[in-house]
Amino acid sequence: MSQINLLLVDDHPITIDGYKNIISNHEHGSALINFTTAYSCHEAYEKILNAHNLCKPFEVAFLDISLPPYEAKQLHSGIDLGILIRNHFPTCKIILLTMHHEPVLVNKAIQKIKPEGFILKNDVNASSFIKAYQSVIIGNSFYSPTISKAQNNALVKKLNFDAIDCQILELISKNIKTKDMTQHIDLSLSAIEKRKAAIKNKLLKDKGSDKEIVVQAKKMGLL
């Protein structure tokens, strides 16, 4: 019997139990599901590295975006874990899950990871959840309706924001100072400052504070 190594990461144990039950109860194929679970970026990091060292790659990974961070390794979210998985297990199929559907967050995640699946938790029930899993397993993609709408947000495309621009805007909204953004983004401070100035110019015509950037981005439906 073949085996599928499946990683589940969410900071709510009851949610992980639900995912396991849904997959176990609906998976009728010949494959044996081997679940690995984690409840934070730190725990997920250790289990990803352990699987890599043991040469036991994950075939599928369900990653919640909002997770307790692992600052020592600059892992702040499920998106960062997705990048780590892409580096260690290039063929692993990643399904992101989130309670947020802001276009900036969605487009950042898609550009950085290109996940095979992307689910807004409020969009799915047990039936559509297993449909997403089964679609991804056979090589298709599955984006829930609200995620697809956010991905195709015309304003993000018009502003020509890339993944880093989206990340900078998100960090501004979290009151992260510009000098501290180098801890989250692999760019020099001067490069971040140039990008931030360009974002401000697009949103406020070059005049305004960080707070005003956030207010304007929210008015435009970006955050």
C-alpha atoms as a PDB file:
ATOM      1  CA  MET A   1       0.000   0.000   0.000  1.00  0.00           C
ATOM      2  CA  SER A   2       1.355   3.430  -0.943  1.00  0.00           C
ATOM      3  CA  GLN A   3       1.673   6.173   1.655  1.00  0.00           C
ATOM      4  CA  ILE A   4       0.995   9.911   1.537  1.00  0.00           C
ATOM      5  CA  ASN A   5       2.934  12.033   4.013  1.00  0.00           C
ATOM      6  CA  LEU A   6       0.677  14.949   4.860  1.00  0.00           C
ATOM      7  CA  LEU A   7       1.598  17.982   6.993  1.00  0.00           C
ATOM      8  CA  LEU A   8      -1.098  19.913   8.863  1.00  0.00           C
ATOM      9  CA  VAL A   9      -0.179  23.234  10.515  1.00  0.00           C
ATOM     10  CA  ASP A  10      -2.703  25.296  12.475  1.00  0.00           C
ATOM     11  CA  ASP A  11      -2.526  26.894  15.911  1.00  0.00           C
ATOM     12  CA  HIS A  12      -5.902  25.410  16.912  1.00  0.00           C
ATOM     13  CA  PRO A  13      -5.659  21.683  17.771  1.00  0.00           C
ATOM     14  CA  ILE A  14      -9.396  21.202  17.304  1.00  0.00           C
ATOM     15  CA  THR A  15      -9.102  22.527  13.746  1.00  0.00           C
ATOM     16  CA  ILE A  16      -6.329  20.069  12.943  1.00  0.00           C
ATOM     17  CA  ASP A  17      -8.420  17.244  14.410  1.00  0.00           C
ATOM     18  CA  GLY A  18     -11.255  18.320  12.115  1.00  0.00           C
ATOM     19  CA  TYR A  19      -9.020  18.281   9.032  1.00  0.00           C
ATOM     20  CA  LYS A  20      -7.721  14.825   9.935  1.00  0.00           C
ATOM     21  CA  ASN A  21     -11.222  13.456  10.420  1.00  0.00           C
ATOM     22  CA  ILE A  22     -12.493  14.896   7.138  1.00  0.00           C
ATOM     23  CA  ILE A  23      -9.584  13.479   5.135  1.00  0.00           C
ATOM     24  CA  SER A  24      -9.626  10.110   6.911  1.00  0.00           C
ATOM     25  CA  ASN A  25     -13.382   9.672   6.476  1.00  0.00           C
ATOM     26  CA  HIS A  26     -13.429  10.603   2.799  1.00  0.00           C
ATOM     27  CA  GLU A  27     -10.164   9.141   1.514  1.00  0.00           C
ATOM     28  CA  HIS A  28     -11.201   5.865  -0.076  1.00  0.00           C
ATOM     29  CA  GLY A  29      -8.120   5.256  -2.211  1.00  0.00           C
ATOM     30  CA  SER A  30      -5.421   2.686  -1.621  1.00  0.00           C
ATOM     31  CA  ALA A  31      -3.006   5.188  -0.086  1.00  0.00           C
ATOM     32  CA  LEU A  32      -2.263   5.230   3.640  1.00  0.00           C
ATOM     33  CA  ILE A  33      -2.309   8.773   5.066  1.00  0.00           C
ATOM     34  CA  ASN A  34       0.542   9.545   7.452  1.00  0.00           C
ATOM     35  CA  PHE A  35      -0.342  12.761   9.303  1.00  0.00           C
ATOM     36  CA  THR A  36       2.279  15.089  10.762  1.00  0.00           C
ATOM     37  CA  THR A  37       0.898  17.995  12.799  1.00  0.00           C
ATOM     38  CA  ALA A  38       2.290  21.254  14.126  1.00  0.00           C
ATOM     39  CA  TYR A  39       0.752  24.205  15.965  1.00  0.00           C
ATOM     40  CA  SER A  40       3.308  26.987  15.431  1.00  0.00           C
ATOM     41  CA  CYS A  41       6.041  28.100  13.041  1.00  0.00           C
ATOM     42  CA  HIS A  42       8.670  26.776  15.462  1.00  0.00           C
ATOM     43  CA  GLU A  43       7.138  23.323  15.704  1.00  0.00           C
ATOM     44  CA  ALA A  44       6.510  23.189  11.956  1.00  0.00           C
ATOM     45  CA  TYR A  45      10.111  24.205  11.247  1.00  0.00           C
ATOM     46  CA  GLU A  46      11.444  21.350  13.355  1.00  0.00           C
ATOM     47  CA  LYS A  47       9.154  18.794  11.719  1.00  0.00           C
ATOM     48  CA  ILE A  48       9.958  20.012   8.206  1.00  0.00           C
ATOM     49  CA  LEU A  49      13.688  19.772   8.910  1.00  0.00           C
ATOM     50  CA  ASN A  50      13.251  16.358  10.508  1.00  0.00           C
ATOM     51  CA  ALA A  51      11.342  15.046   7.493  1.00  0.00           C
ATOM     52  CA  HIS A  52      14.035  16.427   5.203  1.00  0.00           C
ATOM     53  CA  ASN A  53      16.837  14.822   7.226  1.00  0.00           C
ATOM     54  CA  LEU A  54      15.010  11.483   7.195  1.00  0.00           C
ATOM     55  CA  CYS A  55      14.373  11.768   3.434  1.00  0.00           C
ATOM     56  CA  LYS A  56      10.630  11.468   4.024  1.00  0.00           C
ATOM     57  CA  PRO A  57       9.197  14.306   1.939  1.00  0.00           C
ATOM     58  CA  PHE A  58       5.703  15.651   2.429  1.00  0.00           C
ATOM     59  CA  GLU A  59       3.425  15.150  -0.559  1.00  0.00           C
ATOM     60  CA  VAL A  60       0.807  17.620   0.713  1.00  0.00           C
ATOM     61  CA  ALA A  61       0.954  20.445   3.262  1.00  0.00           C
ATOM     62  CA  PHE A  62      -2.049  22.317   4.697  1.00  0.00           C
ATOM     63  CA  LEU A  63      -0.782  25.594   6.157  1.00  0.00           C
ATOM     64  CA  ASP A  64      -2.773  28.156   8.106  1.00  0.00           C
ATOM     65  CA  ILE A  65      -1.375  31.610   7.324  1.00  0.00           C
ATOM     66  CA  SER A  66      -1.789  33.098  10.825  1.00  0.00           C
ATOM     67  CA  LEU A  67       0.532  31.245  13.200  1.00  0.00           C
ATOM     68  CA  PRO A  68       2.699  31.966  16.260  1.00  0.00           C
ATOM     69  CA  PRO A  69       6.017  33.096  14.743  1.00  0.00           C
ATOM     70  CA  TYR A  70       9.499  31.641  15.108  1.00  0.00           C
ATOM     71  CA  GLU A  71      11.551  34.822  15.243  1.00  0.00           C
ATOM     72  CA  ALA A  72      14.919  33.033  15.443  1.00  0.00           C
ATOM     73  CA  LYS A  73      14.407  31.715  11.902  1.00  0.00           C
ATOM     74  CA  GLN A  74      12.392  34.691  10.639  1.00  0.00           C
ATOM     75  CA  LEU A  75       9.304  32.551  10.176  1.00  0.00           C
ATOM     76  CA  HIS A  76       6.315  34.782  10.799  1.00  0.00           C
ATOM     77  CA  SER A  77       3.458  32.990   9.057  1.00  0.00           C
ATOM     78  CA  GLY A  78       2.300  30.043   7.018  1.00  0.00           C
ATOM     79  CA  ILE A  79       3.552  31.899   3.954  1.00  0.00           C
ATOM     80  CA  ASP A  80       7.103  31.758   5.298  1.00  0.00           C
ATOM     81  CA  LEU A  81       6.621  28.054   6.039  1.00  0.00           C
ATOM     82  CA  GLY A  82       5.434  27.584   2.464  1.00  0.00           C
ATOM     83  CA  ILE A  83       8.673  29.081   1.165  1.00  0.00           C
ATOM     84  CA  LEU A  84      10.638  26.758   3.472  1.00  0.00           C
ATOM     85  CA  ILE A  85       8.694  23.748   2.162  1.00  0.00           C
ATOM     86  CA  ARG A  86       9.262  24.803  -1.453  1.00  0.00           C
ATOM     87  CA  ASN A  87      13.008  24.862  -0.725  1.00  0.00           C
ATOM     88  CA  HIS A  88      13.095  21.442   0.943  1.00  0.00           C
ATOM     89  CA  PHE A  89      10.308  19.587  -0.880  1.00  0.00           C
ATOM     90  CA  PRO A  90       9.855  21.141  -4.351  1.00  0.00           C
ATOM     91  CA  THR A  91       7.137  18.687  -5.383  1.00  0.00           C
ATOM     92  CA  CYS A  92       5.027  19.103  -2.241  1.00  0.00           C
ATOM     93  CA  LYS A  93       1.535  20.408  -2.966  1.00  0.00           C
ATOM     94  CA  ILE A  94       0.725  23.335  -0.680  1.00  0.00           C
ATOM     95  CA  ILE A  95      -2.769  24.330   0.395  1.00  0.00           C
ATOM     96  CA  LEU A  96      -3.012  27.626   2.293  1.00  0.00           C
ATOM     97  CA  LEU A  97      -5.897  28.317   4.671  1.00  0.00           C
ATOM     98  CA  THR A  98      -6.855  31.688   6.086  1.00  0.00           C
ATOM     99  CA  MET A  99      -9.590  33.767   7.685  1.00  0.00           C
ATOM    100  CA  HIS A 100      -8.396  36.832   5.742  1.00  0.00           C
ATOM    101  CA  HIS A 101      -9.045  37.726   2.119  1.00  0.00           C
ATOM    102  CA  GLU A 102      -7.503  41.170   1.716  1.00  0.00           C
ATOM    103  CA  PRO A 103      -6.101  41.463  -1.848  1.00  0.00           C
ATOM    104  CA  VAL A 104      -2.662  42.512  -0.572  1.00  0.00           C
ATOM    105  CA  LEU A 105      -2.331  39.370   1.583  1.00  0.00           C
ATOM    106  CA  VAL A 106      -3.745  37.037  -1.063  1.00  0.00           C
ATOM    107  CA  ASN A 107      -1.558  38.336  -3.875  1.00  0.00           C
ATOM    108  CA  LYS A 108       1.557  38.302  -1.695  1.00  0.00           C
ATOM    109  CA  ALA A 109       0.961  34.670  -0.800  1.00  0.00           C
ATOM    110  CA  ILE A 110       0.277  33.624  -4.385  1.00  0.00           C
ATOM    111  CA  GLN A 111       3.323  35.404  -5.780  1.00  0.00           C
ATOM    112  CA  LYS A 112       5.658  34.055  -3.110  1.00  0.00           C
ATOM    113  CA  ILE A 113       4.491  30.419  -3.039  1.00  0.00           C
ATOM    114  CA  LYS A 114       2.164  29.757  -5.978  1.00  0.00           C
ATOM    115  CA  PRO A 115       0.130  27.364  -3.809  1.00  0.00           C
ATOM    116  CA  GLU A 116      -1.781  24.566  -5.455  1.00  0.00           C
ATOM    117  CA  GLY A 117      -4.690  25.306  -3.137  1.00  0.00           C
ATOM    118  CA  PHE A 118      -5.826  28.473  -1.347  1.00  0.00           C
ATOM    119  CA  ILE A 119      -8.890  28.389   0.891  1.00  0.00           C
ATOM    120  CA  LEU A 120     -10.759  31.061   2.802  1.00  0.00           C
ATOM    121  CA  LYS A 121     -12.019  29.103   5.799  1.00  0.00           C
ATOM    122  CA  ASN A 122     -15.440  30.759   5.632  1.00  0.00           C
ATOM    123  CA  ASP A 123     -15.822  29.584   2.021  1.00  0.00           C
ATOM    124  CA  VAL A 124     -15.696  25.854   2.672  1.00  0.00           C
ATOM    125  CA  ASN A 125     -17.427  23.035   4.508  1.00  0.00           C
ATOM    126  CA  ALA A 126     -16.383  19.400   4.866  1.00  0.00           C
ATOM    127  CA  SER A 127     -17.520  18.561   1.340  1.00  0.00           C
ATOM    128  CA  SER A 128     -15.666  21.380  -0.407  1.00  0.00           C
ATOM    129  CA  PHE A 129     -12.631  20.875   1.830  1.00  0.00           C
ATOM    130  CA  ILE A 130     -12.212  17.298   0.661  1.00  0.00           C
ATOM    131  CA  LYS A 131     -12.885  18.429  -2.910  1.00  0.00           C
ATOM    132  CA  ALA A 132      -9.958  20.839  -2.575  1.00  0.00           C
ATOM    133  CA  TYR A 133      -7.717  18.085  -1.229  1.00  0.00           C
ATOM    134  CA  GLN A 134      -8.688  15.611  -3.928  1.00  0.00           C
ATOM    135  CA  SER A 135      -8.288  18.218  -6.697  1.00  0.00           C
ATOM    136  CA  VAL A 136      -4.782  19.075  -5.566  1.00  0.00           C
ATOM    137  CA  ILE A 137      -3.790  15.416  -5.176  1.00  0.00           C
ATOM    138  CA  ILE A 138      -4.547  14.684  -8.842  1.00  0.00           C
ATOM    139  CA  GLY A 139      -2.613  17.716 -10.060  1.00  0.00           C
ATOM    140  CA  ASN A 140      -5.292  20.394 -10.312  1.00  0.00           C
ATOM    141  CA  SER A 141      -5.497  23.654  -8.378  1.00  0.00           C
ATOM    142  CA  PHE A 142      -8.273  24.762  -6.039  1.00  0.00           C
ATOM    143  CA  TYR A 143      -8.861  28.364  -4.989  1.00  0.00           C
ATOM    144  CA  SER A 144     -12.041  29.060  -3.043  1.00  0.00           C
ATOM    145  CA  PRO A 145     -14.383  31.720  -4.517  1.00  0.00           C
ATOM    146  CA  THR A 146     -13.430  34.649  -2.282  1.00  0.00           C
ATOM    147  CA  ILE A 147      -9.709  33.952  -2.742  1.00  0.00           C
ATOM    148  CA  SER A 148     -10.141  33.891  -6.527  1.00  0.00           C
ATOM    149  CA  LYS A 149     -11.940  37.238  -6.349  1.00  0.00           C
ATOM    150  CA  ALA A 150      -9.172  38.780  -4.240  1.00  0.00           C
ATOM    151  CA  GLN A 151      -6.509  37.366  -6.579  1.00  0.00           C
ATOM    152  CA  ASN A 152      -8.148  39.079  -9.530  1.00  0.00           C
ATOM    153  CA  ASN A 153      -8.523  42.419  -7.759  1.00  0.00           C
ATOM    154  CA  ALA A 154      -8.165  44.955 -10.575  1.00  0.00           C
ATOM    155  CA  LEU A 155      -6.685  47.655  -8.339  1.00  0.00           C
ATOM    156  CA  VAL A 156      -3.715  45.517  -7.239  1.00  0.00           C
ATOM    157  CA  LYS A 157      -3.000  44.786 -10.894  1.00  0.00           C
ATOM    158  CA  LYS A 158      -3.384  48.450 -11.858  1.00  0.00           C
ATOM    159  CA  LEU A 159      -0.992  49.573  -9.109  1.00  0.00           C
ATOM    160  CA  ASN A 160       1.439  46.849 -10.259  1.00  0.00           C
ATOM    161  CA  PHE A 161       2.236  45.753  -6.710  1.00  0.00           C
ATOM    162  CA  ASP A 162       4.488  42.696  -6.548  1.00  0.00           C
ATOM    163  CA  ALA A 163       4.860  40.321  -3.583  1.00  0.00           C
ATOM    164  CA  ILE A 164       7.408  42.553  -1.834  1.00  0.00           C
ATOM    165  CA  ASP A 165       5.275  45.677  -2.267  1.00  0.00           C
ATOM    166  CA  CYS A 166       2.337  43.791  -0.773  1.00  0.00           C
ATOM    167  CA  GLN A 167       4.502  42.641   2.124  1.00  0.00           C
ATOM    168  CA  ILE A 168       5.769  46.157   2.831  1.00  0.00           C
ATOM    169  CA  LEU A 169       2.206  47.497   2.826  1.00  0.00           C
ATOM    170  CA  GLU A 170       1.148  44.715   5.183  1.00  0.00           C
ATOM    171  CA  LEU A 171       4.053  45.477   7.528  1.00  0.00           C
ATOM    172  CA  ILE A 172       3.155  49.176   7.531  1.00  0.00           C
ATOM    173  CA  SER A 173      -0.377  48.203   8.581  1.00  0.00           C
ATOM    174  CA  LYS A 174       1.121  46.238  11.496  1.00  0.00           C
ATOM    175  CA  ASN A 175       3.083  49.317  12.665  1.00  0.00           C
ATOM    176  CA  ILE A 176       6.452  47.750  11.819  1.00  0.00           C
ATOM    177  CA  LYS A 177       9.040  50.506  11.539  1.00  0.00           C
ATOM    178  CA  THR A 178      10.898  50.813   8.250  1.00  0.00           C
ATOM    179  CA  LYS A 179      14.265  50.105   9.884  1.00  0.00           C
ATOM    180  CA  ASP A 180      12.882  46.820  11.272  1.00  0.00           C
ATOM    181  CA  MET A 181      11.459  45.597   7.967  1.00  0.00           C
ATOM    182  CA  THR A 182      14.833  44.072   7.061  1.00  0.00           C
ATOM    183  CA  GLN A 183      14.005  41.406   9.666  1.00  0.00           C
ATOM    184  CA  HIS A 184      11.016  40.377   7.554  1.00  0.00           C
ATOM    185  CA  ILE A 185      12.189  41.084   3.990  1.00  0.00           C
ATOM    186  CA  ASP A 186      15.463  39.987   2.406  1.00  0.00           C
ATOM    187  CA  LEU A 187      16.327  43.446   1.091  1.00  0.00           C
ATOM    188  CA  SER A 188      18.609  46.250   2.202  1.00  0.00           C
ATOM    189  CA  LEU A 189      17.125  49.141   4.152  1.00  0.00           C
ATOM    190  CA  SER A 190      17.705  51.513   1.234  1.00  0.00           C
ATOM    191  CA  ALA A 191      15.875  49.174  -1.157  1.00  0.00           C
ATOM    192  CA  ILE A 192      12.931  48.931   1.240  1.00  0.00           C
ATOM    193  CA  GLU A 193      12.844  52.709   1.631  1.00  0.00           C
ATOM    194  CA  LYS A 194      12.715  53.156  -2.173  1.00  0.00           C
ATOM    195  CA  ARG A 195       9.869  50.680  -2.495  1.00  0.00           C
ATOM    196  CA  LYS A 196       8.001  52.269   0.405  1.00  0.00           C
ATOM    197  CA  ALA A 197       8.355  55.693  -1.232  1.00  0.00           C
ATOM    198  CA  ALA A 198       6.960  54.268  -4.478  1.00  0.00           C
ATOM    199  CA  ILE A 199       3.985  52.759  -2.615  1.00  0.00           C
ATOM    200  CA  LYS A 200       3.311  56.096  -0.922  1.00  0.00           C
ATOM    201  CA  ASN A 201       3.483  57.850  -4.288  1.00  0.00           C
ATOM    202  CA  LYS A 202       0.942  55.457  -5.816  1.00  0.00           C
ATOM    203  CA  LEU A 203      -1.492  55.706  -2.905  1.00  0.00           C
ATOM    204  CA  LEU A 204      -1.049  59.286  -1.688  1.00  0.00           C
ATOM    205  CA  LYS A 205       0.785  61.093  -4.487  1.00  0.00           C
ATOM    206  CA  ASP A 206       3.929  61.138  -2.316  1.00  0.00           C
ATOM    207  CA  LYS A 207       2.407  63.032   0.616  1.00  0.00           C
ATOM    208  CA  GLY A 208       1.347  61.449   3.884  1.00  0.00           C
ATOM    209  CA  SER A 209       2.342  59.438   6.942  1.00  0.00           C
ATOM    210  CA  ASP A 210       2.388  55.674   7.428  1.00  0.00           C
ATOM    211  CA  LYS A 211      -0.974  55.961   9.158  1.00  0.00           C
ATOM    212  CA  GLU A 212      -2.401  57.773   6.144  1.00  0.00           C
ATOM    213  CA  ILE A 213      -1.011  55.072   3.837  1.00  0.00           C
ATOM    214  CA  VAL A 214      -2.890  52.445   5.833  1.00  0.00           C
ATOM    215  CA  VAL A 215      -6.096  54.512   5.914  1.00  0.00           C
ATOM    216  CA  GLN A 216      -5.964  55.003   2.147  1.00  0.00           C
ATOM    217  CA  ALA A 217      -5.164  51.339   1.480  1.00  0.00           C
ATOM    218  CA  LYS A 218      -8.175  50.308   3.573  1.00  0.00           C
ATOM    219  CA  LYS A 219     -10.403  52.811   1.748  1.00  0.00           C
ATOM    220  CA  MET A 220      -9.288  51.244  -1.528  1.00  0.00           C
ATOM    221  CA  GLY A 221     -10.048  47.758  -0.214  1.00  0.00           C
ATOM    222  CA  LEU A 222      -6.429  46.593  -0.313  1.00  0.00           C
ATOM    223  CA  LEU A 223      -6.107  45.860   3.417  1.00  0.00           C
END
